[in-house]
Structures are given as structure tokens and as C-alpha cells.
Amino acid sequence: MKTSPSPASVTAGLLAAAIALTVPLAADPAQASPAAVTVRPAGGPEPVWETEAEEAAHAEVRGPAQQKCTTSTGPYQREAEKHLGLRVDGKQSPSDCEAIADFQRRHEIEPDQGYAGLYTHRAIMWEQALAAGSRIKGCPDTKGVVVCIDKNRQILWVENAGRVVVKPVPARTGKPGYQTRSGWFKIYKREKKFWSTQFDGPMPFAQFFSGGQALHGSYRPIFEDPGSHGCVNLRYDDAKALWGKLRMNDAVYVWGTRTEG
């Protein structure tokens, strides 16, 4: 025989349902606002910032991937259009924005909104240097190995007797007040797992050439600001590859001026 619920049990059930509706659901990380999401560079260990100010500056320019395309025309619009084979008119269009944003995603440039700014300009200069191949200019010919560091284009390559033996890679040199010194130097110290006590951070594959200034790997996206404290930052894999190519007393030549954002 079917039994009807008692008035007391019905009342208890309704009360429980009412209470459940007043209790907020647990936050879903996927629905969190962009400000609540910490974006980390892809691959490698957690990034280590040299100062709190650098971490704050990094947070201001990074955001969620694949953001909405911007309608704004960037200062390097024409350069981006020409490099990407677009119509060169110096004006942002939806198709321009999509192409530039795709380029930015390939190079881990954020925000990837299609704005042709300084970070995009740096990536373009690197690709153009790669395309130049053995015709790349700027480093004096020598009889031996020389590490060529162009602060204008924020790139590094290696020559041996004037022949390119390590293709250009993107680099990040010193910011204002901490400029990477220009001139001729020699690698005088190499330490694969160096830890900076001054800035309390790792400098993997460190190769020192001028006082405390060294070539070394970085876990930050390479094209972004701010610059370094004088070292020449490289992508981790590039620094690792360079470690196997260079030796003590190899020459280092640095020239130019870093453009700041």
C-alpha cells in the first residue's frame, strides 16, 4: 500500500531545498574573471622575477589568450602588414588583426589582440634576421668566434671568421639604468646552474662576459618588457644550445640601443 509522506517530512524537505538555494556554489576556476587568473609562460619552471616591480609590469601586459581583436592601428602596422604579406595601407582591418594576432600567438606575445606594437616589432626583426641568413650585417669579421649582440634589434648570433655558425635568436638586454655594456669582451666564466644572490633568481647556462653581465636563459617571454638588469636574456632552449657552442675566452661584441616600450 502506498504511504503518503507525513506533514513533518514535507516541511523538512522544503526547508532543506530553500537552504540549498541560498548557499552560493563553489567558484569555478574556468569562470573566474581575467583579473583572478594568473597566466604563466608556456613550458619550463615557474618564472622568477628579478624585482616586484618587474612582476607587476609583466602582469599589466599579459592576459588571457585569444582575446578579442582590436580595431586600433599600432605604431608598427605597416611593418607588420608588409612582413605578413598583407595589404600595406597602415590601417587596421579585421583581416589584418586576425593575421597579426595569429603571429603573436606563435611567438607567445600577449595580449594577442592583433595590435602591432613593440613586442610584435621585435619578433618581426628577429624573423627578418633569420631570413637574412649569412647576409646578416652588423658584427665585425674576426679570425675566430665572436658572439654578436645587437641591442637595436634585440637579437644574438655567433660568427666564426665572418661565417654565421649560430643563427640569430631573440635576446633581451638591459633596461634603462641597467644597460648592457657595449664594446668588445671575452667570456671569462661559465656556470651551468648559476643562482644570482643579488636578484635571488636562477641564471641557467650563464656565460659571463663583463663583470656581472652574462648570457643566460630566462623563463619570461623573450619579447616583453622590462629589460634585464644588464644580462643578455635568452629563451631557455637557446641558452642551452649556446652553452654547447661557446668556450672560455670566446669574443663577445655588443652594440646599439634597446628601444623601450
C-alpha atoms as a PDB file:
ATOM      1  CA  MET A   1       0.000   0.000   0.000  1.00  0.00           C
ATOM      2  CA  LYS A   2       1.340   3.413  -0.983  1.00  0.00           C
ATOM      3  CA  THR A   3       2.003   5.647   2.037  1.00  0.00           C
ATOM      4  CA  SER A   4       1.767   9.459   1.824  1.00  0.00           C
ATOM      5  CA  PRO A   5       4.644  11.460   3.376  1.00  0.00           C
ATOM      6  CA  SER A   6       3.928  12.998   6.728  1.00  0.00           C
ATOM      7  CA  PRO A   7       3.455  16.801   7.003  1.00  0.00           C
ATOM      8  CA  ALA A   8       6.653  16.975   9.081  1.00  0.00           C
ATOM      9  CA  SER A   9       8.779  15.269   6.399  1.00  0.00           C
ATOM     10  CA  VAL A  10       7.376  17.521   3.668  1.00  0.00           C
ATOM     11  CA  THR A  11       8.167  20.614   5.697  1.00  0.00           C
ATOM     12  CA  ALA A  12      11.738  19.385   6.339  1.00  0.00           C
ATOM     13  CA  GLY A  13      12.282  18.709   2.640  1.00  0.00           C
ATOM     14  CA  LEU A  14      11.085  22.147   1.593  1.00  0.00           C
ATOM     15  CA  LEU A  15      13.285  23.767   4.219  1.00  0.00           C
ATOM     16  CA  ALA A  16      16.379  21.889   3.024  1.00  0.00           C
ATOM     17  CA  ALA A  17      15.719  22.928  -0.571  1.00  0.00           C
ATOM     18  CA  ALA A  18      15.325  26.569   0.459  1.00  0.00           C
ATOM     19  CA  ILE A  19      18.602  26.474   2.366  1.00  0.00           C
ATOM     20  CA  ALA A  20      20.411  24.890  -0.619  1.00  0.00           C
ATOM     21  CA  LEU A  21      19.235  27.694  -2.900  1.00  0.00           C
ATOM     22  CA  THR A  22      20.645  30.362  -0.568  1.00  0.00           C
ATOM     23  CA  VAL A  23      24.152  28.770  -0.377  1.00  0.00           C
ATOM     24  CA  PRO A  24      26.457  30.065  -3.183  1.00  0.00           C
ATOM     25  CA  LEU A  25      28.037  27.445  -5.416  1.00  0.00           C
ATOM     26  CA  ALA A  26      31.792  26.883  -5.249  1.00  0.00           C
ATOM     27  CA  ALA A  27      33.647  29.133  -7.688  1.00  0.00           C
ATOM     28  CA  ASP A  28      34.538  27.502 -10.993  1.00  0.00           C
ATOM     29  CA  PRO A  29      38.130  28.415 -11.970  1.00  0.00           C
ATOM     30  CA  ALA A  30      37.107  28.333 -15.606  1.00  0.00           C
ATOM     31  CA  GLN A  31      34.569  31.094 -14.946  1.00  0.00           C
ATOM     32  CA  ALA A  32      36.903  33.310 -12.939  1.00  0.00           C
ATOM     33  CA  SER A  33      37.393  36.851 -14.117  1.00  0.00           C
ATOM     34  CA  PRO A  34      40.605  37.570 -16.094  1.00  0.00           C
ATOM     35  CA  ALA A  35      41.988  39.545 -13.146  1.00  0.00           C
ATOM     36  CA  ALA A  36      41.788  36.432 -10.980  1.00  0.00           C
ATOM     37  CA  VAL A  37      43.699  34.212 -13.398  1.00  0.00           C
ATOM     38  CA  THR A  38      47.491  34.083 -13.243  1.00  0.00           C
ATOM     39  CA  VAL A  39      48.934  33.410 -16.689  1.00  0.00           C
ATOM     40  CA  ARG A  40      52.298  31.670 -16.782  1.00  0.00           C
ATOM     41  CA  PRO A  41      54.683  31.337 -19.732  1.00  0.00           C
ATOM     42  CA  ALA A  42      54.289  28.033 -21.549  1.00  0.00           C
ATOM     43  CA  GLY A  43      56.876  25.409 -20.665  1.00  0.00           C
ATOM     44  CA  GLY A  44      59.698  25.445 -18.156  1.00  0.00           C
ATOM     45  CA  PRO A  45      59.626  26.075 -14.420  1.00  0.00           C
ATOM     46  CA  GLU A  46      57.697  28.844 -12.725  1.00  0.00           C
ATOM     47  CA  PRO A  47      59.150  32.219 -13.793  1.00  0.00           C
ATOM     48  CA  VAL A  48      61.325  34.043 -11.278  1.00  0.00           C
ATOM     49  CA  TRP A  49      61.096  37.839 -11.379  1.00  0.00           C
ATOM     50  CA  GLU A  50      64.121  39.977 -10.663  1.00  0.00           C
ATOM     51  CA  THR A  51      62.057  42.522  -8.716  1.00  0.00           C
ATOM     52  CA  GLU A  52      58.449  43.003  -7.581  1.00  0.00           C
ATOM     53  CA  ALA A  53      58.194  45.947  -9.981  1.00  0.00           C
ATOM     54  CA  GLU A  54      59.019  43.658 -12.917  1.00  0.00           C
ATOM     55  CA  GLU A  55      56.350  41.175 -11.870  1.00  0.00           C
ATOM     56  CA  ALA A  56      53.795  43.997 -11.700  1.00  0.00           C
ATOM     57  CA  ALA A  57      54.818  45.310 -15.117  1.00  0.00           C
ATOM     58  CA  HIS A  58      54.549  41.799 -16.563  1.00  0.00           C
ATOM     59  CA  ALA A  59      51.056  41.369 -15.123  1.00  0.00           C
ATOM     60  CA  GLU A  60      49.898  44.596 -16.755  1.00  0.00           C
ATOM     61  CA  VAL A  61      50.626  43.404 -20.292  1.00  0.00           C
ATOM     62  CA  ARG A  62      49.679  39.725 -20.083  1.00  0.00           C
ATOM     63  CA  GLY A  63      46.149  38.434 -20.178  1.00  0.00           C
ATOM     64  CA  PRO A  64      44.036  35.508 -21.315  1.00  0.00           C
ATOM     65  CA  ALA A  65      44.999  34.030 -24.680  1.00  0.00           C
ATOM     66  CA  GLN A  66      42.981  34.693 -27.824  1.00  0.00           C
ATOM     67  CA  GLN A  67      41.436  37.965 -26.733  1.00  0.00           C
ATOM     68  CA  LYS A  68      39.060  39.942 -28.892  1.00  0.00           C
ATOM     69  CA  CYS A  69      40.727  41.615 -31.871  1.00  0.00           C
ATOM     70  CA  THR A  70      41.463  45.307 -31.523  1.00  0.00           C
ATOM     71  CA  THR A  71      40.417  47.919 -34.064  1.00  0.00           C
ATOM     72  CA  SER A  72      43.367  50.135 -33.133  1.00  0.00           C
ATOM     73  CA  THR A  73      46.217  50.766 -35.569  1.00  0.00           C
ATOM     74  CA  GLY A  74      49.598  50.111 -33.951  1.00  0.00           C
ATOM     75  CA  PRO A  75      52.827  52.076 -34.471  1.00  0.00           C
ATOM     76  CA  TYR A  76      54.294  49.171 -36.444  1.00  0.00           C
ATOM     77  CA  GLN A  77      51.197  48.496 -38.549  1.00  0.00           C
ATOM     78  CA  ARG A  78      52.872  48.964 -41.931  1.00  0.00           C
ATOM     79  CA  GLU A  79      55.836  46.825 -40.899  1.00  0.00           C
ATOM     80  CA  ALA A  80      53.513  44.023 -39.781  1.00  0.00           C
ATOM     81  CA  GLU A  81      51.408  44.240 -42.937  1.00  0.00           C
ATOM     82  CA  LYS A  82      54.466  44.006 -45.164  1.00  0.00           C
ATOM     83  CA  HIS A  83      56.054  41.188 -43.172  1.00  0.00           C
ATOM     84  CA  LEU A  84      52.857  39.124 -43.152  1.00  0.00           C
ATOM     85  CA  GLY A  85      52.048  39.681 -46.828  1.00  0.00           C
ATOM     86  CA  LEU A  86      49.007  41.842 -46.149  1.00  0.00           C
ATOM     87  CA  ARG A  87      47.794  44.913 -47.999  1.00  0.00           C
ATOM     88  CA  VAL A  88      50.161  47.687 -46.889  1.00  0.00           C
ATOM     89  CA  ASP A  89      47.992  50.698 -46.113  1.00  0.00           C
ATOM     90  CA  GLY A  90      48.910  51.384 -42.482  1.00  0.00           C
ATOM     91  CA  LYS A  91      45.322  50.913 -41.319  1.00  0.00           C
ATOM     92  CA  GLN A  92      43.997  48.161 -39.104  1.00  0.00           C
ATOM     93  CA  SER A  93      41.328  45.908 -40.606  1.00  0.00           C
ATOM     94  CA  PRO A  94      39.651  42.727 -39.329  1.00  0.00           C
ATOM     95  CA  SER A  95      41.814  40.573 -41.613  1.00  0.00           C
ATOM     96  CA  ASP A  96      44.960  42.449 -40.534  1.00  0.00           C
ATOM     97  CA  CYS A  97      44.064  41.922 -36.910  1.00  0.00           C
ATOM     98  CA  GLU A  98      43.489  38.188 -37.304  1.00  0.00           C
ATOM     99  CA  ALA A  99      46.824  37.735 -39.115  1.00  0.00           C
ATOM    100  CA  ILE A 100      48.761  39.797 -36.570  1.00  0.00           C
ATOM    101  CA  ALA A 101      47.060  38.044 -33.643  1.00  0.00           C
ATOM    102  CA  ASP A 102      47.985  34.645 -35.118  1.00  0.00           C
ATOM    103  CA  PHE A 103      51.602  35.827 -35.457  1.00  0.00           C
ATOM    104  CA  GLN A 104      51.533  36.966 -31.833  1.00  0.00           C
ATOM    105  CA  ARG A 105      50.247  33.600 -30.622  1.00  0.00           C
ATOM    106  CA  ARG A 106      53.031  31.788 -32.488  1.00  0.00           C
ATOM    107  CA  HIS A 107      55.569  33.920 -30.639  1.00  0.00           C
ATOM    108  CA  GLU A 108      53.817  33.867 -27.238  1.00  0.00           C
ATOM    109  CA  ILE A 109      53.200  37.610 -27.376  1.00  0.00           C
ATOM    110  CA  GLU A 110      50.417  38.753 -25.077  1.00  0.00           C
ATOM    111  CA  PRO A 111      47.915  40.240 -25.177  1.00  0.00           C
ATOM    112  CA  ASP A 112      47.358  38.603 -28.587  1.00  0.00           C
ATOM    113  CA  GLN A 113      44.792  41.143 -29.796  1.00  0.00           C
ATOM    114  CA  GLY A 114      46.371  41.958 -33.162  1.00  0.00           C
ATOM    115  CA  TYR A 115      47.808  45.326 -32.093  1.00  0.00           C
ATOM    116  CA  ALA A 116      51.076  45.942 -33.954  1.00  0.00           C
ATOM    117  CA  GLY A 117      53.122  47.197 -31.015  1.00  0.00           C
ATOM    118  CA  LEU A 118      56.733  46.986 -29.888  1.00  0.00           C
ATOM    119  CA  TYR A 119      56.698  43.295 -28.933  1.00  0.00           C
ATOM    120  CA  THR A 120      55.400  42.388 -32.383  1.00  0.00           C
ATOM    121  CA  HIS A 121      58.063  44.634 -33.935  1.00  0.00           C
ATOM    122  CA  ARG A 122      60.790  42.750 -32.037  1.00  0.00           C
ATOM    123  CA  ALA A 123      59.508  39.391 -33.243  1.00  0.00           C
ATOM    124  CA  ILE A 124      59.422  40.675 -36.824  1.00  0.00           C
ATOM    125  CA  MET A 125      63.017  41.941 -36.587  1.00  0.00           C
ATOM    126  CA  TRP A 126      64.111  38.514 -35.393  1.00  0.00           C
ATOM    127  CA  GLU A 127      62.336  36.724 -38.266  1.00  0.00           C
ATOM    128  CA  GLN A 128      63.887  39.146 -40.747  1.00  0.00           C
ATOM    129  CA  ALA A 129      67.338  38.478 -39.284  1.00  0.00           C
ATOM    130  CA  LEU A 130      66.741  34.733 -39.687  1.00  0.00           C
ATOM    131  CA  ALA A 131      65.707  35.269 -43.296  1.00  0.00           C
ATOM    132  CA  ALA A 132      68.904  37.230 -43.982  1.00  0.00           C
ATOM    133  CA  GLY A 133      70.931  34.099 -43.213  1.00  0.00           C
ATOM    134  CA  SER A 134      74.635  34.502 -43.940  1.00  0.00           C
ATOM    135  CA  ARG A 135      73.965  38.015 -45.285  1.00  0.00           C
ATOM    136  CA  ILE A 136      73.181  39.413 -41.833  1.00  0.00           C
ATOM    137  CA  LYS A 137      75.114  42.605 -41.083  1.00  0.00           C
ATOM    138  CA  GLY A 138      76.370  44.450 -38.017  1.00  0.00           C
ATOM    139  CA  CYS A 139      79.076  42.291 -36.466  1.00  0.00           C
ATOM    140  CA  PRO A 140      82.751  42.909 -37.378  1.00  0.00           C
ATOM    141  CA  ASP A 141      84.530  39.997 -39.022  1.00  0.00           C
ATOM    142  CA  THR A 142      87.193  38.357 -36.876  1.00  0.00           C
ATOM    143  CA  LYS A 143      89.570  35.428 -37.217  1.00  0.00           C
ATOM    144  CA  GLY A 144      87.830  33.430 -34.513  1.00  0.00           C
ATOM    145  CA  VAL A 145      84.491  33.004 -32.765  1.00  0.00           C
ATOM    146  CA  VAL A 146      82.519  36.113 -31.812  1.00  0.00           C
ATOM    147  CA  VAL A 147      79.126  36.366 -30.142  1.00  0.00           C
ATOM    148  CA  CYS A 148      77.251  39.192 -31.878  1.00  0.00           C
ATOM    149  CA  ILE A 149      74.704  41.046 -29.709  1.00  0.00           C
ATOM    150  CA  ASP A 150      72.641  43.696 -31.495  1.00  0.00           C
ATOM    151  CA  LYS A 151      70.731  45.792 -28.943  1.00  0.00           C
ATOM    152  CA  ASN A 152      68.939  47.669 -31.750  1.00  0.00           C
ATOM    153  CA  ARG A 153      67.172  44.531 -32.964  1.00  0.00           C
ATOM    154  CA  GLN A 154      67.370  42.599 -29.668  1.00  0.00           C
ATOM    155  CA  ILE A 155      68.981  39.583 -31.300  1.00  0.00           C
ATOM    156  CA  LEU A 156      72.106  37.462 -30.851  1.00  0.00           C
ATOM    157  CA  TRP A 157      74.023  35.269 -33.265  1.00  0.00           C
ATOM    158  CA  VAL A 158      77.514  33.732 -33.486  1.00  0.00           C
ATOM    159  CA  GLU A 159      80.107  34.014 -36.240  1.00  0.00           C
ATOM    160  CA  ASN A 160      83.393  32.236 -36.815  1.00  0.00           C
ATOM    161  CA  ALA A 161      85.807  34.071 -39.113  1.00  0.00           C
ATOM    162  CA  GLY A 162      82.890  36.039 -40.521  1.00  0.00           C
ATOM    163  CA  ARG A 163      80.713  32.976 -41.172  1.00  0.00           C
ATOM    164  CA  VAL A 164      77.436  32.578 -39.281  1.00  0.00           C
ATOM    165  CA  VAL A 165      77.647  29.394 -37.176  1.00  0.00           C
ATOM    166  CA  VAL A 166      74.696  30.042 -34.832  1.00  0.00           C
ATOM    167  CA  LYS A 167      71.616  31.592 -36.428  1.00  0.00           C
ATOM    168  CA  PRO A 168      70.044  34.688 -34.855  1.00  0.00           C
ATOM    169  CA  VAL A 169      67.951  34.148 -31.728  1.00  0.00           C
ATOM    170  CA  PRO A 170      65.856  36.726 -29.862  1.00  0.00           C
ATOM    171  CA  ALA A 171      67.544  38.371 -26.875  1.00  0.00           C
ATOM    172  CA  ARG A 172      66.582  40.819 -24.130  1.00  0.00           C
ATOM    173  CA  THR A 173      69.243  43.288 -22.985  1.00  0.00           C
ATOM    174  CA  GLY A 174      69.358  45.766 -20.094  1.00  0.00           C
ATOM    175  CA  LYS A 175      66.629  48.256 -19.272  1.00  0.00           C
ATOM    176  CA  PRO A 176      67.279  51.972 -18.560  1.00  0.00           C
ATOM    177  CA  GLY A 177      69.681  52.334 -15.669  1.00  0.00           C
ATOM    178  CA  TYR A 178      70.937  48.767 -16.189  1.00  0.00           C
ATOM    179  CA  GLN A 179      72.051  48.886 -19.813  1.00  0.00           C
ATOM    180  CA  THR A 180      74.090  46.013 -21.193  1.00  0.00           C
ATOM    181  CA  ARG A 181      77.558  47.446 -21.778  1.00  0.00           C
ATOM    182  CA  SER A 182      78.657  47.970 -25.387  1.00  0.00           C
ATOM    183  CA  GLY A 183      82.061  47.033 -26.797  1.00  0.00           C
ATOM    184  CA  TRP A 184      84.401  44.054 -27.039  1.00  0.00           C
ATOM    185  CA  PHE A 185      84.534  41.441 -24.267  1.00  0.00           C
ATOM    186  CA  LYS A 186      85.532  37.843 -23.658  1.00  0.00           C
ATOM    187  CA  ILE A 187      83.721  35.033 -21.894  1.00  0.00           C
ATOM    188  CA  TYR A 188      85.608  34.674 -18.618  1.00  0.00           C
ATOM    189  CA  LYS A 189      83.298  32.458 -16.552  1.00  0.00           C
ATOM    190  CA  ARG A 190      80.764  29.740 -17.333  1.00  0.00           C
ATOM    191  CA  GLU A 191      78.366  28.155 -14.851  1.00  0.00           C
ATOM    192  CA  LYS A 192      75.524  25.897 -15.988  1.00  0.00           C
ATOM    193  CA  LYS A 193      73.371  26.254 -12.850  1.00  0.00           C
ATOM    194  CA  PHE A 194      74.180  29.719 -11.568  1.00  0.00           C
ATOM    195  CA  TRP A 195      71.992  31.383  -8.915  1.00  0.00           C
ATOM    196  CA  SER A 196      72.043  35.181  -8.609  1.00  0.00           C
ATOM    197  CA  THR A 197      72.322  36.163  -4.948  1.00  0.00           C
ATOM    198  CA  GLN A 198      71.910  39.820  -5.930  1.00  0.00           C
ATOM    199  CA  PHE A 199      68.485  39.292  -7.524  1.00  0.00           C
ATOM    200  CA  ASP A 200      67.664  35.961  -5.850  1.00  0.00           C
ATOM    201  CA  GLY A 201      66.896  34.119  -9.066  1.00  0.00           C
ATOM    202  CA  PRO A 202      68.234  31.442 -11.440  1.00  0.00           C
ATOM    203  CA  MET A 203      70.529  32.190 -14.375  1.00  0.00           C
ATOM    204  CA  PRO A 204      70.710  28.861 -16.227  1.00  0.00           C
ATOM    205  CA  PHE A 205      73.616  28.309 -18.639  1.00  0.00           C
ATOM    206  CA  ALA A 206      75.273  31.546 -17.518  1.00  0.00           C
ATOM    207  CA  GLN A 207      78.278  32.730 -19.544  1.00  0.00           C
ATOM    208  CA  PHE A 208      79.781  35.898 -18.068  1.00  0.00           C
ATOM    209  CA  PHE A 209      81.476  38.416 -20.339  1.00  0.00           C
ATOM    210  CA  SER A 210      81.546  41.772 -18.459  1.00  0.00           C
ATOM    211  CA  GLY A 211      81.504  41.921 -14.659  1.00  0.00           C
ATOM    212  CA  GLY A 212      78.147  40.516 -13.532  1.00  0.00           C
ATOM    213  CA  GLN A 213      76.678  40.670 -17.031  1.00  0.00           C
ATOM    214  CA  ALA A 214      76.165  37.291 -18.671  1.00  0.00           C
ATOM    215  CA  LEU A 215      74.372  35.435 -21.418  1.00  0.00           C
ATOM    216  CA  HIS A 216      71.810  33.171 -19.742  1.00  0.00           C
ATOM    217  CA  GLY A 217      68.428  31.517 -20.052  1.00  0.00           C
ATOM    218  CA  SER A 218      65.202  33.173 -18.932  1.00  0.00           C
ATOM    219  CA  TYR A 219      61.742  31.818 -18.153  1.00  0.00           C
ATOM    220  CA  ARG A 220      59.980  35.037 -19.179  1.00  0.00           C
ATOM    221  CA  PRO A 221      58.524  35.529 -22.679  1.00  0.00           C
ATOM    222  CA  ILE A 222      61.525  36.940 -24.516  1.00  0.00           C
ATOM    223  CA  PHE A 223      59.988  39.866 -26.444  1.00  0.00           C
ATOM    224  CA  GLU A 224      58.364  41.624 -23.499  1.00  0.00           C
ATOM    225  CA  ASP A 225      59.427  44.500 -21.245  1.00  0.00           C
ATOM    226  CA  PRO A 226      61.009  45.347 -18.915  1.00  0.00           C
ATOM    227  CA  GLY A 227      64.570  44.620 -19.968  1.00  0.00           C
ATOM    228  CA  SER A 228      67.116  42.815 -17.835  1.00  0.00           C
ATOM    229  CA  HIS A 229      69.444  44.148 -15.148  1.00  0.00           C
ATOM    230  CA  GLY A 230      72.254  44.159 -17.724  1.00  0.00           C
ATOM    231  CA  CYS A 231      72.449  40.497 -18.643  1.00  0.00           C
ATOM    232  CA  VAL A 232      71.547  39.202 -22.077  1.00  0.00           C
ATOM    233  CA  ASN A 233      68.439  37.083 -21.528  1.00  0.00           C
ATOM    234  CA  LEU A 234      67.749  34.230 -23.933  1.00  0.00           C
ATOM    235  CA  ARG A 235      64.995  31.676 -24.246  1.00  0.00           C
ATOM    236  CA  TYR A 236      65.886  28.652 -22.144  1.00  0.00           C
ATOM    237  CA  ASP A 237      66.458  26.301 -25.092  1.00  0.00           C
ATOM    238  CA  ASP A 238      68.541  28.913 -26.948  1.00  0.00           C
ATOM    239  CA  ALA A 239      70.765  29.425 -23.885  1.00  0.00           C
ATOM    240  CA  LYS A 240      71.170  25.657 -23.562  1.00  0.00           C
ATOM    241  CA  ALA A 241      72.157  25.302 -27.225  1.00  0.00           C
ATOM    242  CA  LEU A 242      74.579  28.227 -26.983  1.00  0.00           C
ATOM    243  CA  TRP A 243      76.232  26.635 -23.949  1.00  0.00           C
ATOM    244  CA  GLY A 244      77.415  23.774 -26.150  1.00  0.00           C
ATOM    245  CA  LYS A 245      78.745  26.086 -28.867  1.00  0.00           C
ATOM    246  CA  LEU A 246      80.887  28.526 -26.862  1.00  0.00           C
ATOM    247  CA  ARG A 247      84.084  28.210 -24.853  1.00  0.00           C
ATOM    248  CA  MET A 248      86.091  30.277 -22.390  1.00  0.00           C
ATOM    249  CA  ASN A 249      87.728  33.353 -23.960  1.00  0.00           C
ATOM    250  CA  ASP A 250      85.375  33.447 -26.952  1.00  0.00           C
ATOM    251  CA  ALA A 251      84.859  37.058 -28.022  1.00  0.00           C
ATOM    252  CA  VAL A 252      81.620  38.973 -27.406  1.00  0.00           C
ATOM    253  CA  TYR A 253      80.736  42.142 -29.310  1.00  0.00           C
ATOM    254  CA  VAL A 254      77.805  44.321 -28.165  1.00  0.00           C
ATOM    255  CA  TRP A 255      76.427  47.425 -29.888  1.00  0.00           C
ATOM    256  CA  GLY A 256      73.303  49.557 -30.353  1.00  0.00           C
ATOM    257  CA  THR A 257      70.483  50.804 -28.135  1.00  0.00           C
ATOM    258  CA  ARG A 258      67.434  48.943 -26.858  1.00  0.00           C
ATOM    259  CA  THR A 259      64.080  50.549 -27.728  1.00  0.00           C
ATOM    260  CA  GLU A 260      61.845  50.671 -24.672  1.00  0.00           C
ATOM    261  CA  GLY A 261      58.069  50.370 -24.601  1.00  0.00           C
END
